[in-house]
Amino acid sequence: MPRSRTLQSRAFLNVAAEAPASAGPMHLIPGTSSLRQDCVAALEDRLQETARCVRSAGTVNPKKGSTVYVGSPGIAYAFLKLATIQTGDQKQASLDTAQKLLSPDVVEAGVEQARRHRSLGPSLLCGPAGLFVVQALLGWQQGLPFASQSAVFQGAVQSYKQYFDYAVHELDSDEWLYGRAGYLYGCLFLNFLAPGSVSEAKIKQLSMKMLESGEAYGRRTGASPLLYSWHDREYLGAAHGVMGIVYMLMLVEPIRTDPNAMRLVKGTLEWLLTLETKHHNWPAVRGETDDYLCHFCHGATGAVFAFGLGSIVFNNREFQKAALRAATCVWKYGLLKKGPGICHGISGSGYALLMAYKLTRDPIWLDRAADFALKMFDEKLQADSRVPDNPFSLFEGLSGAICFLVDLLKNPLKAAFPLFELGF
């Protein structure tokens, strides 16, 4: 029996989305932007329970799980995130767990994968480049306050940079999951941890290659100032498509100070506006009319980030309105049946709601993010949800939920979607 291709079929009914605006926040102290103590306590309990569950699951077979997306490195990232709100023995236990998950066997399996399939080398999510980003993060946290001098950090940075030339000159993809946009994020993140880890000249070279590639393809199609193809399909969303690529370009200082580059990026965002559907969603691929996917990887969830950052970079009110329309779609259709993950699960939807909160400082968006976090652990929703193929992983499973809960509890205004938004 074919799967139903509607927004409603992919998500649980969000009754709260039908409530009148006058109903007000559900989980905030009245008149504030602070979560109620009972909500905080419930979220802390869920976080501790989830961390115990993931830790007890043990490591992933290195030969099957050496990637950030579904393997041990992504789970390690979640425990490094968890350590940021811990102290003493608890913090050390999380750091030790992360180190165990990044064992020499895992690292070797990732490197060997790239030897067999060179195109996977620079992949942030599905190759060893992402593994080395997480290893650098481990070294950075272990070495504080002299993180940049950490031997683990320095070694991981050098290992990451070995894929630079291939990424620029030979890689045939510009998207985030496998391509240049993801590798660019890794460069920017390493500099976020320790400025100067990757030279500005290299970052400019890589980002200009992405710009030139998109401009050439856009010119051939006549569709948009920048356009990209992955496996012969012109994806629009954050994972494989133009939304994720232009988001990464907007993070790059040499791009933001280049008038021609900014003209191309702004024009591309304006073109994406014309593809918005009646649900304030976007099709997965150019030319399609179906808009049944409301995930981070495809659809409105990624649009919140692309238009949200665009509204800041260009000081553009129309882009902010588009981001908030997309966030409203996420609020209505984001209680996804695919589980708690960040790529196509409820935690990813929650991060989009936090992005709306950061854009507006309107506490209603924080309230909605907290509501998703609580509903994610509702027993009935869990019973009726699909069990992810990799239930403990960062992008499909509970490790993504750990990151979302940490950001919600720590400082929602500095929340950062793992390995996409620049922050930690």
Protein backbone atom coordinates (compact mmCIF):
# COMPACT_ATOMS: atom_id res chain seq x y z
CA MET A 1 0.00 0.00 0.00
CA PRO A 2 1.57 3.35 -1.04
CA ARG A 3 2.33 5.92 1.61
CA SER A 4 -0.02 8.87 1.81
CA ARG A 5 1.57 12.02 0.41
CA THR A 6 0.02 14.72 2.59
CA LEU A 7 1.39 16.88 5.37
CA GLN A 8 -1.31 15.61 7.70
CA SER A 9 -0.37 11.96 7.14
CA ARG A 10 3.27 12.51 8.13
CA ALA A 11 2.57 14.17 11.48
CA PHE A 12 0.47 13.79 14.59
CA LEU A 13 -2.37 16.28 14.96
CA ASN A 14 -1.12 19.24 16.97
CA VAL A 15 -4.24 20.29 18.85
CA ALA A 16 -2.39 23.24 20.38
CA ALA A 17 -1.87 24.70 16.90
CA GLU A 18 -5.64 25.06 16.56
CA ALA A 19 -5.97 27.04 19.81
CA PRO A 20 -6.70 30.78 19.54
CA ALA A 21 -3.76 33.13 19.98
CA SER A 22 -5.48 34.55 23.06
CA ALA A 23 -4.91 31.23 24.82
CA GLY A 24 -1.36 32.36 25.60
CA PRO A 25 1.74 30.33 26.45
CA MET A 26 1.37 26.90 28.03
CA HIS A 27 4.79 26.38 29.62
CA LEU A 28 6.09 29.84 30.53
CA ILE A 29 5.93 31.90 33.69
CA PRO A 30 3.23 34.49 32.85
CA GLY A 31 4.63 37.70 31.42
CA THR A 32 8.16 36.32 31.02
CA SER A 33 10.37 34.41 28.61
CA SER A 34 11.23 31.84 31.27
CA LEU A 35 10.02 28.25 31.35
CA ARG A 36 7.90 27.28 34.35
CA GLN A 37 9.79 25.28 36.96
CA ASP A 38 7.59 22.21 36.47
CA CYS A 39 8.39 22.33 32.75
CA VAL A 40 12.12 22.68 33.44
CA ALA A 41 11.99 19.76 35.87
CA ALA A 42 10.15 17.59 33.35
CA LEU A 43 12.63 18.44 30.59
CA GLU A 44 15.60 17.76 32.88
CA ASP A 45 14.13 14.37 33.78
CA ARG A 46 13.62 13.53 30.09
CA LEU A 47 17.18 14.61 29.32
CA GLN A 48 18.71 12.45 32.06
CA GLU A 49 16.57 9.48 31.06
CA THR A 50 17.48 9.87 27.38
CA ALA A 51 21.19 10.19 28.11
CA ARG A 52 21.08 7.04 30.26
CA CYS A 53 19.28 5.19 27.49
CA VAL A 54 21.79 6.21 24.82
CA ARG A 55 24.81 5.56 27.05
CA SER A 56 23.57 2.08 27.96
CA ALA A 57 23.16 1.22 24.27
CA GLY A 58 26.95 1.17 23.96
CA THR A 59 29.03 1.87 20.89
CA VAL A 60 28.05 1.31 17.28
CA ASN A 61 29.92 -1.25 15.17
CA PRO A 62 32.73 0.90 13.68
CA LYS A 63 32.32 -0.68 10.25
CA LYS A 64 28.65 0.32 10.19
CA GLY A 65 28.71 3.46 12.30
CA SER A 66 31.73 5.67 11.71
CA THR A 67 29.72 8.67 10.47
CA VAL A 68 28.29 11.65 12.28
CA TYR A 69 24.88 11.06 10.72
CA VAL A 70 24.07 7.62 12.14
CA GLY A 71 27.22 6.42 13.92
CA SER A 72 29.31 6.79 17.03
CA PRO A 73 30.78 10.22 16.16
CA GLY A 74 27.31 11.77 16.14
CA ILE A 75 26.48 10.21 19.49
CA ALA A 76 29.81 11.53 20.79
CA TYR A 77 28.77 15.01 19.64
CA ALA A 78 25.60 14.72 21.75
CA PHE A 79 27.56 13.80 24.88
CA LEU A 80 29.96 16.68 24.28
CA LYS A 81 26.89 18.92 24.08
CA LEU A 82 25.53 17.41 27.28
CA ALA A 83 28.84 18.12 29.04
CA THR A 84 28.31 21.86 28.50
CA ILE A 85 25.58 21.93 31.15
CA GLN A 86 27.27 19.55 33.57
CA THR A 87 29.96 19.90 36.22
CA GLY A 88 32.28 17.63 38.16
CA ASP A 89 31.95 13.87 37.81
CA GLN A 90 28.90 14.08 35.53
CA LYS A 91 30.75 16.30 33.08
CA GLN A 92 33.79 14.03 33.11
CA ALA A 93 31.57 10.99 32.53
CA SER A 94 30.11 12.61 29.40
CA LEU A 95 33.56 13.53 28.10
CA ASP A 96 34.75 9.97 28.76
CA THR A 97 31.74 8.58 26.91
CA ALA A 98 32.49 10.80 23.93
CA GLN A 99 36.13 9.72 23.90
CA LYS A 100 35.12 6.05 23.99
CA LEU A 101 32.75 6.61 21.07
CA LEU A 102 35.63 8.14 19.09
CA SER A 103 37.88 5.12 19.55
CA PRO A 104 40.81 4.43 17.19
CA ASP A 105 38.73 1.67 15.56
CA VAL A 106 35.99 4.16 14.72
CA VAL A 107 38.46 6.68 13.31
CA GLU A 108 40.22 4.03 11.22
CA ALA A 109 36.91 2.74 9.88
CA GLY A 110 35.97 6.25 8.78
CA VAL A 111 39.30 6.86 7.08
CA GLU A 112 39.16 3.47 5.36
CA GLN A 113 35.70 4.28 4.05
CA ALA A 114 37.12 7.37 2.35
CA ARG A 115 39.98 5.36 0.88
CA ARG A 116 37.44 3.12 -0.82
CA HIS A 117 35.10 5.96 -1.82
CA ARG A 118 37.09 9.18 -2.21
CA SER A 119 34.00 11.34 -2.65
CA LEU A 120 32.98 10.57 0.95
CA GLY A 121 36.19 12.06 2.37
CA PRO A 122 34.99 15.68 2.70
CA SER A 123 31.43 14.75 3.75
CA LEU A 124 30.48 16.41 7.02
CA LEU A 125 27.69 13.98 7.81
CA CYS A 126 28.63 10.77 6.01
CA GLY A 127 32.42 10.80 5.81
CA PRO A 128 35.55 11.12 7.93
CA ALA A 129 35.62 14.92 7.67
CA GLY A 130 32.69 15.11 10.07
CA LEU A 131 34.32 12.57 12.35
CA PHE A 132 37.40 14.81 12.61
CA VAL A 133 35.22 17.84 13.41
CA VAL A 134 33.79 15.96 16.39
CA GLN A 135 37.26 14.76 17.38
CA ALA A 136 38.44 18.38 17.30
CA LEU A 137 35.48 19.32 19.48
CA LEU A 138 36.48 16.64 21.98
CA GLY A 139 40.05 17.96 22.07
CA TRP A 140 38.76 21.49 22.42
CA GLN A 141 36.59 20.63 25.43
CA GLN A 142 39.24 18.50 27.08
CA GLY A 143 41.84 21.24 26.61
CA LEU A 144 39.93 24.24 27.92
CA PRO A 145 41.03 26.96 28.64
CA PHE A 146 43.99 26.27 26.30
CA ALA A 147 41.93 24.33 23.79
CA SER A 148 43.71 25.43 20.63
CA GLN A 149 46.96 24.02 22.04
CA SER A 150 45.43 20.58 22.57
CA ALA A 151 47.27 17.87 20.63
CA VAL A 152 43.95 16.12 19.96
CA PHE A 153 42.45 19.33 18.61
CA GLN A 154 45.44 20.17 16.41
CA GLY A 155 45.67 16.64 15.06
CA ALA A 156 41.98 16.57 14.18
CA VAL A 157 42.20 19.94 12.41
CA GLN A 158 45.09 18.73 10.28
CA SER A 159 43.24 15.52 9.47
CA TYR A 160 40.19 17.56 8.47
CA LYS A 161 42.18 19.84 6.19
CA GLN A 162 43.61 16.91 4.21
CA TYR A 163 40.30 16.80 2.31
CA PHE A 164 40.32 20.48 1.34
CA ASP A 165 41.86 20.19 -2.14
CA TYR A 166 39.56 17.34 -3.10
CA ALA A 167 36.54 19.29 -1.84
CA VAL A 168 37.42 22.32 -3.95
CA HIS A 169 38.70 20.74 -7.14
CA GLU A 170 37.15 17.28 -7.51
CA LEU A 171 33.98 16.99 -5.46
CA ASP A 172 30.92 17.06 -7.72
CA SER A 173 28.41 18.11 -5.08
CA ASP A 174 27.74 21.43 -3.36
CA GLU A 175 25.04 20.37 -0.90
CA TRP A 176 25.37 20.08 2.87
CA LEU A 177 25.05 16.36 3.56
CA TYR A 178 27.77 15.11 1.22
CA GLY A 179 29.15 18.16 -0.52
CA ARG A 180 31.02 21.44 -0.28
CA ALA A 181 28.44 23.21 1.91
CA GLY A 182 28.98 20.66 4.66
CA TYR A 183 32.75 20.83 4.32
CA LEU A 184 32.53 24.62 4.45
CA TYR A 185 30.56 24.38 7.69
CA GLY A 186 33.33 22.26 9.18
CA CYS A 187 35.90 24.93 8.32
CA LEU A 188 33.76 27.64 9.90
CA PHE A 189 33.07 25.54 13.00
CA LEU A 190 36.77 24.84 13.56
CA ASN A 191 37.37 28.59 13.37
CA PHE A 192 34.48 29.13 15.78
CA LEU A 193 36.29 26.88 18.25
CA ALA A 194 39.76 28.33 17.57
CA PRO A 195 40.05 31.30 15.18
CA GLY A 196 42.61 30.78 12.44
CA SER A 197 42.31 26.99 12.35
CA VAL A 198 41.41 27.27 8.65
CA SER A 199 42.70 30.30 6.76
CA GLU A 200 40.30 32.92 5.45
CA ALA A 201 41.87 32.44 2.01
CA LYS A 202 40.88 28.77 1.97
CA ILE A 203 37.37 29.54 3.18
CA LYS A 204 36.99 32.17 0.47
CA GLN A 205 38.31 29.78 -2.19
CA LEU A 206 35.84 27.08 -1.17
CA SER A 207 32.83 29.39 -0.91
CA MET A 208 33.61 31.07 -4.24
CA LYS A 209 33.75 27.64 -5.87
CA MET A 210 30.25 26.96 -4.52
CA LEU A 211 29.07 30.33 -5.76
CA GLU A 212 30.53 29.81 -9.24
CA SER A 213 29.04 26.33 -9.47
CA GLY A 214 25.57 27.54 -8.53
CA GLU A 215 25.73 30.56 -10.80
CA ALA A 216 26.75 28.45 -13.80
CA TYR A 217 23.98 25.91 -13.23
CA GLY A 218 21.43 28.65 -12.54
CA ARG A 219 22.40 30.34 -15.79
CA ARG A 220 21.95 27.09 -17.73
CA THR A 221 18.48 26.49 -16.31
CA GLY A 222 17.37 30.12 -16.30
CA ALA A 223 15.49 29.42 -13.08
CA SER A 224 17.37 31.15 -10.28
CA PRO A 225 20.55 33.21 -9.78
CA LEU A 226 21.98 30.20 -7.90
CA LEU A 227 20.80 26.65 -8.43
CA TYR A 228 22.32 23.25 -7.77
CA SER A 229 21.70 19.65 -8.72
CA TRP A 230 22.35 16.53 -6.66
CA HIS A 231 21.93 13.15 -8.38
CA ASP A 232 20.22 14.96 -11.27
CA ARG A 233 17.53 16.49 -9.06
CA GLU A 234 17.28 20.16 -8.18
CA TYR A 235 16.59 19.94 -4.46
CA LEU A 236 15.35 22.99 -2.58
CA GLY A 237 15.72 22.07 1.09
CA ALA A 238 18.43 22.30 3.71
CA ALA A 239 20.09 18.88 3.42
CA HIS A 240 20.55 18.42 -0.31
CA GLY A 241 19.36 21.68 -1.77
CA VAL A 242 19.77 25.36 -2.35
CA MET A 243 18.41 26.45 1.05
CA GLY A 244 21.24 24.72 2.87
CA ILE A 245 23.85 25.94 0.41
CA VAL A 246 22.88 29.62 0.51
CA TYR A 247 22.60 29.40 4.31
CA MET A 248 26.25 28.31 4.49
CA LEU A 249 27.32 31.00 2.03
CA MET A 250 25.69 33.66 4.20
CA LEU A 251 27.90 32.59 7.12
CA VAL A 252 31.06 33.48 5.20
CA GLU A 253 32.51 36.95 5.72
CA PRO A 254 34.14 37.25 2.25
CA ILE A 255 30.76 36.41 0.72
CA ARG A 256 28.89 38.92 2.88
CA THR A 257 31.28 41.69 1.81
CA ASP A 258 31.13 40.83 -1.91
CA PRO A 259 28.32 42.83 -3.62
CA ASN A 260 27.99 40.39 -6.52
CA ALA A 261 27.85 37.38 -4.23
CA MET A 262 25.20 39.05 -2.09
CA ARG A 263 23.18 39.94 -5.19
CA LEU A 264 23.17 36.28 -6.21
CA VAL A 265 22.26 35.01 -2.74
CA LYS A 266 19.49 37.56 -2.24
CA GLY A 267 18.07 36.86 -5.68
CA THR A 268 18.04 33.15 -4.91
CA LEU A 269 16.12 33.71 -1.67
CA GLU A 270 13.65 35.89 -3.58
CA TRP A 271 13.22 33.10 -6.13
CA LEU A 272 12.59 30.58 -3.34
CA LEU A 273 9.83 32.85 -2.06
CA THR A 274 7.95 32.30 -5.32
CA LEU A 275 7.84 28.54 -4.66
CA GLU A 276 6.07 28.78 -1.29
CA THR A 277 2.89 26.69 -1.21
CA LYS A 278 -0.50 27.44 0.32
CA HIS A 279 0.61 25.59 3.47
CA HIS A 280 3.67 27.89 3.74
CA ASN A 281 5.80 24.90 2.86
CA TRP A 282 8.14 24.12 -0.05
CA PRO A 283 8.36 21.15 -2.43
CA ALA A 284 11.42 18.94 -2.04
CA VAL A 285 12.47 19.40 -5.68
CA ARG A 286 12.08 22.19 -8.24
CA GLY A 287 9.20 21.44 -10.58
CA GLU A 288 7.25 19.35 -8.09
CA THR A 289 3.96 20.56 -6.65
CA ASP A 290 3.67 18.13 -3.72
CA ASP A 291 4.60 19.70 -0.39
CA TYR A 292 3.98 16.77 1.94
CA LEU A 293 7.43 16.90 3.60
CA CYS A 294 7.89 19.29 6.50
CA HIS A 295 11.31 18.17 7.73
CA PHE A 296 14.64 19.83 8.28
CA CYS A 297 15.99 17.99 5.23
CA HIS A 298 13.10 18.96 2.94
CA GLY A 299 10.50 21.68 3.34
CA ALA A 300 9.54 24.47 5.70
CA THR A 301 11.82 23.48 8.58
CA GLY A 302 14.93 24.25 6.56
CA ALA A 303 13.26 27.36 5.13
CA VAL A 304 13.01 28.83 8.64
CA PHE A 305 16.81 28.83 8.84
CA ALA A 306 17.49 30.04 5.28
CA PHE A 307 15.03 32.93 5.38
CA GLY A 308 15.77 33.64 9.02
CA LEU A 309 19.47 34.16 8.39
CA GLY A 310 18.64 36.00 5.18
CA SER A 311 16.49 38.43 7.12
CA ILE A 312 19.48 39.22 9.37
CA VAL A 313 22.13 39.42 6.65
CA PHE A 314 20.01 41.60 4.35
CA ASN A 315 17.95 43.34 7.05
CA ASN A 316 14.97 42.19 5.02
CA ARG A 317 11.52 42.19 6.55
CA GLU A 318 10.02 40.02 3.79
CA PHE A 319 12.52 37.26 4.50
CA GLN A 320 11.66 37.37 8.20
CA LYS A 321 7.96 37.12 7.39
CA ALA A 322 8.69 34.09 5.21
CA ALA A 323 10.72 32.47 8.00
CA LEU A 324 7.84 32.94 10.44
CA ARG A 325 5.27 31.61 7.97
CA ALA A 326 7.48 28.55 7.58
CA ALA A 327 7.75 28.25 11.37
CA THR A 328 3.96 28.35 11.59
CA CYS A 329 3.84 25.43 9.16
CA VAL A 330 6.34 23.58 11.38
CA TRP A 331 4.22 24.30 14.45
CA LYS A 332 1.18 22.84 12.72
CA TYR A 333 2.79 19.87 10.95
CA GLY A 334 6.06 19.30 12.81
CA LEU A 335 5.01 16.63 15.31
CA LEU A 336 6.48 14.09 12.97
CA LYS A 337 5.86 10.36 13.08
CA LYS A 338 9.46 9.48 12.26
CA GLY A 339 10.67 9.77 15.83
CA PRO A 340 12.78 12.21 17.85
CA GLY A 341 15.61 12.92 15.40
CA ILE A 342 16.77 16.24 14.03
CA CYS A 343 16.79 15.43 10.30
CA HIS A 344 13.20 14.26 9.89
CA GLY A 345 11.94 14.10 13.45
CA ILE A 346 10.46 16.24 16.20
CA SER A 347 13.75 17.63 17.54
CA GLY A 348 14.49 19.12 14.12
CA SER A 349 11.09 20.79 14.18
CA GLY A 350 11.85 22.08 17.66
CA TYR A 351 15.07 23.69 16.48
CA ALA A 352 13.12 25.58 13.80
CA LEU A 353 10.77 26.92 16.49
CA LEU A 354 13.81 28.04 18.49
CA MET A 355 15.10 29.82 15.38
CA ALA A 356 11.80 31.71 15.21
CA TYR A 357 12.27 32.62 18.87
CA LYS A 358 15.78 33.93 18.19
CA LEU A 359 14.50 36.00 15.28
CA THR A 360 11.62 37.62 17.15
CA ARG A 361 12.32 37.23 20.88
CA ASP A 362 8.59 36.47 21.05
CA PRO A 363 8.18 33.99 23.94
CA ILE A 364 5.37 32.16 22.14
CA TRP A 365 7.99 30.43 19.98
CA LEU A 366 9.96 29.30 23.03
CA ASP A 367 6.73 27.98 24.49
CA ARG A 368 6.02 26.05 21.31
CA ALA A 369 9.51 24.55 21.25
CA ALA A 370 9.06 23.41 24.85
CA ASP A 371 5.70 21.92 23.94
CA PHE A 372 7.31 19.85 21.18
CA ALA A 373 10.04 18.71 23.57
CA LEU A 374 7.46 17.45 26.05
CA LYS A 375 5.22 15.84 23.43
CA MET A 376 8.22 14.04 21.96
CA PHE A 377 8.18 11.83 25.06
CA ASP A 378 4.41 11.34 25.19
CA GLU A 379 3.81 7.60 25.53
CA LYS A 380 1.02 7.48 22.96
CA LEU A 381 3.01 9.45 20.40
CA GLN A 382 6.01 7.22 20.97
CA ALA A 383 3.90 4.08 20.58
CA ASP A 384 2.49 5.33 17.28
CA SER A 385 5.81 6.63 15.93
CA ARG A 386 8.08 4.79 13.55
CA VAL A 387 11.23 3.42 15.19
CA PRO A 388 14.20 4.98 13.35
CA ASP A 389 16.68 2.68 11.62
CA ASN A 390 19.36 4.10 13.92
CA PRO A 391 17.41 4.91 17.10
CA PHE A 392 20.32 6.30 19.15
CA SER A 393 21.97 8.34 16.40
CA LEU A 394 22.39 12.10 16.16
CA PHE A 395 20.32 12.75 13.06
CA GLU A 396 17.72 9.98 13.22
CA GLY A 397 17.43 9.23 16.91
CA LEU A 398 17.77 10.10 20.56
CA SER A 399 21.16 11.80 20.40
CA GLY A 400 19.53 14.60 18.42
CA ALA A 401 16.92 14.87 21.17
CA ILE A 402 19.72 15.24 23.74
CA CYS A 403 21.10 18.23 21.83
CA PHE A 404 17.66 19.83 21.49
CA LEU A 405 16.90 19.44 25.20
CA VAL A 406 20.29 20.85 26.19
CA ASP A 407 19.77 23.93 24.02
CA LEU A 408 16.24 24.41 25.32
CA LEU A 409 17.41 24.24 28.94
CA LYS A 410 20.75 26.05 28.66
CA ASN A 411 20.15 29.20 26.63
CA PRO A 412 17.49 29.02 23.89
CA LEU A 413 18.71 32.29 22.37
CA LYS A 414 22.03 30.58 21.60
CA ALA A 415 20.57 27.29 20.41
CA ALA A 416 22.43 25.82 17.44
CA PHE A 417 21.12 23.05 15.21
CA PRO A 418 23.97 20.49 15.31
CA LEU A 419 26.54 20.98 12.55
CA PHE A 420 24.34 23.44 10.67
CA GLU A 421 23.99 26.61 12.74
CA LEU A 422 27.31 28.09 13.80
CA GLY A 423 27.53 27.59 17.55
CA PHE A 424 27.72 24.91 20.20
